[in-house]
């Protein structure tokens, strides 16, 4: 039963992500992505992103609710620049 619930929840999250268009250009730095949307944008599995965040290697998050995190597009871009500079 739990597997069915997990599968249904994953399917629902996938449908929500597909319906939302994530702006990538323009004056959109204040746009807040849910943590799962950010994982998709960054190309990371959720588990890897959470591990990176726990080690202090992820982007700074915005507390959207008691148990919900988000990441601004501006912070995502800062995080990408920092990781790019660190590898060169």
N, C-alpha and C. Protein backbone atom coordinates (compact mmCIF):
# COMPACT_ATOMS: atom_id res chain seq x y z
N UNK A 1 0.83 -1.20 0.00
CA UNK A 1 0.00 0.00 0.00
C UNK A 1 0.87 1.26 0.00
N UNK A 2 1.95 1.27 0.80
CA UNK A 2 2.83 2.43 0.85
C UNK A 2 3.49 2.68 -0.50
N UNK A 3 3.89 1.60 -1.19
CA UNK A 3 4.49 1.76 -2.51
C UNK A 3 3.53 2.42 -3.48
N UNK A 4 2.26 2.05 -3.40
CA UNK A 4 1.25 2.65 -4.28
C UNK A 4 1.09 4.14 -3.97
N UNK A 5 1.11 4.50 -2.69
CA UNK A 5 0.99 5.90 -2.31
C UNK A 5 2.21 6.69 -2.78
N UNK A 6 3.41 6.13 -2.61
CA UNK A 6 4.62 6.80 -3.07
C UNK A 6 4.60 6.99 -4.58
N UNK A 7 4.17 5.97 -5.29
CA UNK A 7 4.10 6.06 -6.75
C UNK A 7 3.09 7.12 -7.16
N UNK A 8 1.95 7.17 -6.52
CA UNK A 8 0.93 8.16 -6.83
C UNK A 8 1.43 9.57 -6.53
N UNK A 9 2.15 9.74 -5.42
CA UNK A 9 2.68 11.05 -5.06
C UNK A 9 3.74 11.50 -6.07
N UNK A 10 4.61 10.59 -6.48
CA UNK A 10 5.63 10.93 -7.48
C UNK A 10 4.98 11.33 -8.81
N UNK A 11 3.95 10.60 -9.20
CA UNK A 11 3.24 10.90 -10.44
C UNK A 11 2.57 12.27 -10.36
N UNK A 12 1.98 12.59 -9.23
CA UNK A 12 1.33 13.89 -9.06
C UNK A 12 2.38 15.01 -9.14
N UNK A 13 3.54 14.85 -8.47
CA UNK A 13 4.59 15.86 -8.54
C UNK A 13 5.10 16.03 -9.97
N UNK A 14 5.21 14.93 -10.71
CA UNK A 14 5.67 15.00 -12.10
C UNK A 14 4.68 15.81 -12.94
N UNK A 15 3.38 15.56 -12.76
CA UNK A 15 2.38 16.30 -13.52
C UNK A 15 2.41 17.79 -13.20
N UNK A 16 2.60 18.13 -11.94
CA UNK A 16 2.67 19.54 -11.53
C UNK A 16 3.89 20.20 -12.17
N UNK A 17 5.04 19.53 -12.15
CA UNK A 17 6.26 20.08 -12.75
C UNK A 17 6.08 20.31 -14.24
N UNK A 18 5.43 19.38 -14.92
CA UNK A 18 5.24 19.50 -16.36
C UNK A 18 4.32 20.66 -16.71
N UNK A 19 3.38 20.98 -15.84
CA UNK A 19 2.43 22.05 -16.10
C UNK A 19 3.03 23.42 -15.87
N UNK A 20 4.02 23.54 -15.01
CA UNK A 20 4.59 24.84 -14.67
C UNK A 20 5.77 25.14 -15.58
N UNK A 21 5.72 26.29 -16.21
CA UNK A 21 6.83 26.75 -17.02
C UNK A 21 7.80 27.50 -16.12
N UNK A 22 9.06 27.13 -16.12
CA UNK A 22 10.07 27.80 -15.31
C UNK A 22 10.79 28.83 -16.18
N UNK A 23 10.62 30.13 -15.86
CA UNK A 23 11.32 31.13 -16.66
C UNK A 23 12.82 31.03 -16.45
N UNK A 24 13.60 31.15 -17.51
CA UNK A 24 15.04 31.00 -17.42
C UNK A 24 15.76 32.28 -17.80
N UNK A 25 15.11 33.20 -18.50
CA UNK A 25 15.77 34.43 -18.92
C UNK A 25 14.92 35.63 -18.52
N UNK A 26 15.53 36.81 -18.57
CA UNK A 26 14.79 38.03 -18.27
C UNK A 26 14.95 38.43 -16.82
N UNK A 27 14.10 39.34 -16.37
CA UNK A 27 14.14 39.86 -15.01
C UNK A 27 13.34 38.92 -14.10
N UNK A 28 13.91 37.78 -13.81
CA UNK A 28 13.17 36.75 -13.08
C UNK A 28 13.87 36.28 -11.82
N UNK A 29 14.85 37.04 -11.33
CA UNK A 29 15.64 36.61 -10.18
C UNK A 29 14.83 36.39 -8.92
N UNK A 30 13.66 37.05 -8.81
CA UNK A 30 12.83 36.88 -7.63
C UNK A 30 11.91 35.67 -7.71
N UNK A 31 11.88 34.99 -8.85
CA UNK A 31 11.04 33.80 -8.99
C UNK A 31 11.57 32.73 -8.04
N UNK A 32 10.66 32.13 -7.28
CA UNK A 32 11.05 31.08 -6.34
C UNK A 32 10.59 29.74 -6.89
N UNK A 33 11.51 28.82 -6.99
CA UNK A 33 11.20 27.45 -7.40
C UNK A 33 11.05 26.60 -6.15
N UNK A 34 10.17 25.61 -6.20
CA UNK A 34 10.15 24.65 -5.11
C UNK A 34 11.48 23.89 -5.15
N UNK A 35 11.83 23.23 -4.06
CA UNK A 35 13.10 22.50 -4.03
C UNK A 35 13.13 21.44 -5.12
N UNK A 36 12.01 20.75 -5.35
CA UNK A 36 11.97 19.73 -6.39
C UNK A 36 12.12 20.33 -7.78
N UNK A 37 11.54 21.51 -8.02
CA UNK A 37 11.72 22.18 -9.30
C UNK A 37 13.19 22.57 -9.48
N UNK A 38 13.81 23.04 -8.39
CA UNK A 38 15.22 23.39 -8.47
C UNK A 38 16.06 22.16 -8.80
N UNK A 39 15.76 21.03 -8.17
CA UNK A 39 16.50 19.79 -8.45
C UNK A 39 16.44 19.47 -9.94
N UNK A 40 15.25 19.62 -10.52
CA UNK A 40 15.08 19.35 -11.94
C UNK A 40 15.89 20.34 -12.78
N UNK A 41 15.83 21.62 -12.44
CA UNK A 41 16.57 22.64 -13.17
C UNK A 41 18.08 22.39 -13.08
N UNK A 42 18.54 21.99 -11.90
CA UNK A 42 19.98 21.74 -11.69
C UNK A 42 20.41 20.39 -12.26
N UNK A 43 19.45 19.55 -12.63
CA UNK A 43 19.79 18.24 -13.17
C UNK A 43 20.28 17.27 -12.11
N UNK A 44 19.75 17.42 -10.90
CA UNK A 44 20.19 16.57 -9.79
C UNK A 44 19.03 15.73 -9.26
N UNK A 45 19.29 14.49 -8.89
CA UNK A 45 18.27 13.72 -8.18
C UNK A 45 18.00 14.40 -6.82
N UNK A 46 16.78 14.29 -6.35
CA UNK A 46 16.42 14.93 -5.08
C UNK A 46 17.33 14.48 -3.95
N UNK A 47 17.65 13.20 -3.89
CA UNK A 47 18.49 12.69 -2.79
C UNK A 47 19.88 13.33 -2.82
N UNK A 48 20.46 13.47 -4.00
CA UNK A 48 21.78 14.10 -4.12
C UNK A 48 21.72 15.56 -3.71
N UNK A 49 20.68 16.27 -4.15
CA UNK A 49 20.53 17.68 -3.80
C UNK A 49 20.39 17.86 -2.29
N UNK A 50 19.63 16.99 -1.65
CA UNK A 50 19.45 17.09 -0.20
C UNK A 50 20.77 16.78 0.53
N UNK A 51 21.52 15.82 0.02
CA UNK A 51 22.82 15.51 0.63
C UNK A 51 23.78 16.70 0.49
N UNK A 52 23.78 17.31 -0.69
CA UNK A 52 24.64 18.48 -0.91
C UNK A 52 24.23 19.61 0.02
N UNK A 53 22.94 19.82 0.18
CA UNK A 53 22.46 20.88 1.07
C UNK A 53 22.89 20.60 2.51
N UNK A 54 22.80 19.35 2.93
CA UNK A 54 23.18 18.98 4.30
C UNK A 54 24.68 19.22 4.54
N UNK A 55 25.51 19.07 3.48
CA UNK A 55 26.95 19.31 3.59
C UNK A 55 27.31 20.78 3.40
N UNK A 56 26.30 21.62 3.14
CA UNK A 56 26.56 23.05 2.93
C UNK A 56 27.05 23.36 1.53
N UNK A 57 26.81 22.47 0.58
CA UNK A 57 27.28 22.66 -0.79
C UNK A 57 26.17 23.04 -1.76
N UNK A 58 24.95 23.13 -1.26
CA UNK A 58 23.82 23.48 -2.12
C UNK A 58 23.55 24.97 -2.09
N UNK A 59 22.54 25.40 -2.82
CA UNK A 59 22.18 26.82 -2.80
C UNK A 59 21.50 27.19 -1.49
N UNK A 60 21.51 28.49 -1.18
CA UNK A 60 20.77 28.95 -0.01
C UNK A 60 19.29 28.82 -0.32
N UNK A 61 18.54 28.31 0.62
CA UNK A 61 17.12 28.06 0.41
C UNK A 61 16.25 29.11 1.10
N UNK A 62 15.03 29.22 0.61
CA UNK A 62 14.01 30.09 1.18
C UNK A 62 13.01 29.19 1.89
N UNK A 63 12.69 29.51 3.13
CA UNK A 63 11.70 28.73 3.88
C UNK A 63 10.32 29.18 3.42
N UNK A 64 9.63 28.34 2.64
CA UNK A 64 8.32 28.69 2.11
C UNK A 64 7.18 28.31 3.05
N UNK A 65 7.41 27.35 3.86
CA UNK A 65 6.42 26.89 4.82
C UNK A 65 7.12 26.11 5.90
N UNK A 66 6.36 25.55 6.79
CA UNK A 66 6.98 24.81 7.90
C UNK A 66 7.88 23.69 7.40
N UNK A 67 7.47 23.01 6.33
CA UNK A 67 8.26 21.89 5.82
C UNK A 67 8.59 22.02 4.33
N UNK A 68 8.50 23.24 3.79
CA UNK A 68 8.72 23.41 2.35
C UNK A 68 9.81 24.43 2.09
N UNK A 69 10.77 24.02 1.25
CA UNK A 69 11.88 24.89 0.88
C UNK A 69 11.75 25.31 -0.57
N UNK A 70 12.36 26.44 -0.88
CA UNK A 70 12.42 26.91 -2.25
C UNK A 70 13.80 27.49 -2.53
N UNK A 71 14.06 27.74 -3.80
CA UNK A 71 15.33 28.33 -4.23
C UNK A 71 14.98 29.40 -5.26
N UNK A 72 15.50 30.61 -5.07
CA UNK A 72 15.25 31.66 -6.07
C UNK A 72 16.13 31.39 -7.29
N UNK A 73 15.66 31.88 -8.44
CA UNK A 73 16.48 31.74 -9.65
C UNK A 73 17.78 32.50 -9.51
N UNK A 74 17.75 33.65 -8.84
CA UNK A 74 18.99 34.40 -8.62
C UNK A 74 19.98 33.57 -7.80
N UNK A 75 19.50 32.88 -6.78
CA UNK A 75 20.39 32.04 -5.96
C UNK A 75 20.89 30.85 -6.76
N UNK A 76 20.04 30.29 -7.59
CA UNK A 76 20.47 29.18 -8.45
C UNK A 76 21.63 29.63 -9.33
N UNK A 77 21.49 30.80 -9.93
CA UNK A 77 22.54 31.31 -10.81
C UNK A 77 23.83 31.58 -10.02
N UNK A 78 23.73 32.13 -8.81
CA UNK A 78 24.90 32.36 -7.96
C UNK A 78 25.59 31.04 -7.66
N UNK A 79 24.79 30.03 -7.32
CA UNK A 79 25.31 28.70 -6.98
C UNK A 79 26.04 28.09 -8.18
N UNK A 80 25.46 28.21 -9.37
CA UNK A 80 26.10 27.67 -10.57
C UNK A 80 27.43 28.38 -10.83
N UNK A 81 27.43 29.73 -10.71
CA UNK A 81 28.69 30.48 -10.92
C UNK A 81 29.76 30.03 -9.93
N UNK A 82 29.39 29.88 -8.67
CA UNK A 82 30.35 29.47 -7.65
C UNK A 82 30.91 28.09 -7.94
N UNK A 83 30.06 27.18 -8.39
CA UNK A 83 30.53 25.82 -8.71
C UNK A 83 31.38 25.84 -9.97
N UNK A 84 31.06 26.69 -10.91
CA UNK A 84 31.84 26.79 -12.15
C UNK A 84 33.22 27.33 -11.85
N UNK A 85 33.29 28.37 -11.04
CA UNK A 85 34.57 28.96 -10.68
C UNK A 85 35.42 28.01 -9.86
N UNK A 86 34.78 27.18 -9.04
CA UNK A 86 35.51 26.26 -8.17
C UNK A 86 36.17 25.14 -8.99
N UNK A 87 35.64 24.84 -10.16
CA UNK A 87 36.18 23.72 -10.92
C UNK A 87 37.20 24.15 -11.96
N UNK A 88 37.39 25.46 -12.15
CA UNK A 88 38.33 25.89 -13.18
C UNK A 88 39.64 26.36 -12.56
